[in-house]
Protein backbone atom coordinates (compact mmCIF):
# COMPACT_ATOMS: atom_id res chain seq x y z
CA MET A 1 8.16 9.10 40.77
CA ASN A 2 7.14 12.72 39.51
CA SER A 3 9.66 15.27 40.40
CA ALA A 4 6.99 18.39 39.60
CA PRO A 5 5.84 18.83 43.07
CA ILE A 6 9.27 18.73 44.49
CA ALA A 7 10.50 21.47 42.04
CA THR A 8 7.53 23.46 42.88
CA ALA A 9 8.10 23.35 46.53
CA ALA A 10 11.69 24.15 45.96
CA ALA A 11 10.73 27.02 43.72
CA LEU A 12 8.12 28.43 46.21
CA ALA A 13 10.86 28.07 49.19
CA ALA A 14 13.23 30.06 47.16
CA LEU A 15 10.58 32.74 46.61
CA ALA A 16 9.68 32.96 50.12
CA LEU A 17 13.30 33.21 51.07
CA CYS A 18 13.81 35.94 48.66
CA ALA A 19 10.60 37.86 49.67
CA CYS A 20 11.78 37.55 53.32
CA SER A 21 15.01 39.45 52.88
CA GLN A 22 13.52 42.47 50.67
CA GLU A 23 13.78 45.74 52.49
CA ARG A 24 10.61 47.77 52.66
CA LYS A 25 10.68 51.26 53.70
CA ALA A 26 8.09 54.15 54.42
CA GLU A 27 8.77 57.88 54.10
CA ALA A 28 7.01 60.84 55.65
CA ASP A 29 7.58 64.59 55.64
CA THR A 30 6.05 67.04 58.05
CA GLY A 31 7.10 70.29 56.33
CA THR A 32 9.93 70.77 59.07
CA ALA A 33 11.33 67.19 59.26
CA GLN A 34 11.71 64.14 57.12
CA ALA A 35 11.91 60.55 58.42
CA THR A 36 12.45 57.20 56.48
CA VAL A 37 11.74 53.95 58.42
CA SER A 38 12.64 50.68 56.73
CA THR A 39 12.11 46.80 57.98
CA THR A 40 13.24 43.46 56.34
CA ALA A 41 10.17 41.88 58.24
CA PRO A 42 7.59 40.20 56.13
CA PRO A 43 4.44 42.33 55.59
CA GLY A 44 2.67 39.81 57.85
CA ALA A 45 4.72 40.81 60.84
CA VAL A 46 4.74 44.64 60.00
CA PRO A 47 1.82 45.74 57.80
CA ASP A 48 2.76 48.80 55.46
CA ALA A 49 0.25 51.04 57.25
CA GLN A 50 2.39 50.24 60.52
CA LEU A 51 5.54 51.28 58.61
CA GLN A 52 4.01 54.43 57.41
CA GLN A 53 2.50 55.24 60.76
CA GLN A 54 6.03 54.78 62.30
CA ALA A 55 7.69 57.11 59.71
CA GLN A 56 5.06 59.69 60.44
CA GLN A 57 5.74 59.21 64.23
CA ALA A 58 9.36 59.73 63.57
CA ALA A 59 8.99 62.98 61.51
CA THR A 60 6.82 64.42 64.09
CA ALA A 61 9.18 63.68 66.96
CA ALA A 62 12.13 65.15 64.95
CA SER A 63 10.30 68.26 64.30
CA THR A 64 11.28 71.56 65.90
CA PRO A 65 8.61 74.15 66.88
CA VAL A 66 8.70 77.33 65.32
CA ASP A 67 10.13 79.03 68.35
CA GLY A 68 13.17 76.66 68.27
CA SER A 69 12.38 75.55 71.91
CA GLY A 70 13.38 71.81 71.08
CA PRO A 71 11.84 68.65 69.55
CA VAL A 72 8.04 67.96 69.74
CA THR A 73 7.49 65.36 72.57
CA THR A 74 3.62 65.19 71.79
CA THR A 75 1.29 65.38 68.98
CA THR A 76 -1.71 66.33 71.30
CA ALA A 77 -2.40 69.69 72.78
CA VAL A 78 -2.00 69.94 76.38
CA ALA A 79 -4.62 72.27 78.17
CA PRO A 80 -2.80 75.16 80.18
CA THR A 81 -3.28 74.51 84.08
CA ALA A 82 -5.36 76.81 86.13
CA GLY A 83 -2.48 78.29 88.17
CA GLY A 84 -0.80 79.24 84.88
CA ALA A 85 -3.45 81.74 84.04
CA ALA A 86 -2.47 85.36 84.37
CA LYS A 87 -4.90 87.64 86.67
CA LYS A 88 -6.00 90.88 85.87
């Protein structure tokens, strides 16, 4: 019996186990806030692009507007309502 295939399978299993337990992280900086997100999920479950996007969203959510009114709740500009316009 040849033990090479069994040793190879065992080595691959050990490598896969090590790869699954490694933490990956992404960082983002909006200028007013920084965020770091991390996961131990494999890249197949959480791709690097998604991890980076989540870091950017977290940094954006943590940013405070210049007027200090509180955290940003949206990254899309909201059009003013017609009733809110001042009349001359």
